Amino acid sequence: MKENYLINNGARVCDFFIKTFPPINKSDESSTSYISIIENQETTIVLSGLYRRIDDYAKKRLGKEIEDI
C-alpha cells in the first residue's frame, strides 16, 4: 500500500491542516505529527515551523521524526 506524507511549513499552514484534516486519534492532538484521512487514505501529516526560522535543535528533531516515519 502506498504511504502518503505531508510536511507543513509555518504556523498558518499547520493550523489549516489540523482544522481541515484532524488527527484520527485524539491523543495525537499535541504531537508534531499525526495520521489523518485525506481522500479516503491514511496520510501522515508532519507539522513544522518555517524551516529558515527554526533553530538547529528543531531542525534535527524534524529530520529524525521524518526518518522514523
Protein backbone atom coordinates (compact mmCIF):
# COMPACT_ATOMS: atom_id res chain seq x y z
CA MET A 1 0.00 0.00 0.00
CA LYS A 2 1.30 3.45 -0.93
CA GLU A 3 2.12 5.71 2.01
CA ASN A 4 1.24 9.40 1.91
CA TYR A 5 3.08 12.17 3.73
CA LEU A 6 2.50 15.89 4.03
CA ILE A 7 5.14 18.10 5.60
CA ASN A 8 3.79 21.52 6.55
CA ASN A 9 5.88 24.66 6.94
CA GLY A 10 4.66 27.54 9.04
CA ALA A 11 2.04 28.06 11.71
CA ARG A 12 -0.77 29.13 9.35
CA VAL A 13 -0.37 26.07 7.14
CA CYS A 14 -0.13 23.76 10.16
CA ASP A 15 -3.26 25.30 11.71
CA PHE A 16 -5.15 24.85 8.43
CA PHE A 17 -4.26 21.15 8.21
CA ILE A 18 -5.10 20.47 11.86
CA LYS A 19 -8.55 22.04 11.39
CA THR A 20 -9.23 20.60 7.94
CA PHE A 21 -7.72 17.14 8.48
CA PRO A 22 -7.88 16.41 12.22
CA PRO A 23 -5.97 13.50 13.78
CA ILE A 24 -7.65 10.08 13.74
CA ASN A 25 -6.51 9.52 17.32
CA LYS A 26 -7.41 12.32 19.77
CA SER A 27 -4.23 11.61 21.79
CA ASP A 28 -2.22 12.87 18.79
CA GLU A 29 -3.59 16.42 19.02
CA SER A 30 -0.49 17.80 20.76
CA SER A 31 2.00 15.80 18.69
CA THR A 32 4.23 17.26 15.98
CA SER A 33 2.99 14.61 13.55
CA TYR A 34 -0.22 12.65 13.26
CA ILE A 35 -2.28 10.45 10.95
CA SER A 36 -5.42 11.73 9.28
CA ILE A 37 -7.65 10.63 6.42
CA ILE A 38 -7.30 12.54 3.14
CA GLU A 39 -9.25 11.34 0.11
CA ASN A 40 -10.00 8.05 1.90
CA GLN A 41 -6.31 7.29 2.54
CA GLU A 42 -4.35 7.41 5.76
CA THR A 43 -1.86 10.25 5.50
CA THR A 44 0.92 11.18 7.90
CA ILE A 45 0.99 14.92 8.48
CA VAL A 46 4.19 16.42 9.90
CA LEU A 47 3.97 19.89 11.44
CA SER A 48 6.98 22.21 11.47
CA GLY A 49 7.87 25.87 11.71
CA LEU A 50 9.24 27.83 8.82
CA TYR A 51 12.44 25.93 8.08
CA ARG A 52 14.61 29.04 7.72
CA ARG A 53 13.44 30.29 11.12
CA ILE A 54 13.64 27.19 13.32
CA ASP A 55 16.71 26.56 15.43
CA ASP A 56 19.18 23.70 14.90
CA TYR A 57 17.57 21.55 17.61
CA ALA A 58 14.15 21.80 15.96
CA LYS A 59 15.66 21.02 12.53
CA LYS A 60 17.32 17.92 13.97
CA ARG A 61 14.06 16.86 15.65
CA LEU A 62 12.15 17.33 12.40
CA GLY A 63 14.70 15.31 10.42
CA LYS A 64 14.66 12.48 12.98
CA GLU A 65 10.87 12.44 13.09
CA ILE A 66 10.64 12.19 9.29
CA GLU A 67 13.21 9.37 9.27
CA ASP A 68 11.26 7.47 11.93
CA ILE A 69 8.03 7.74 9.96
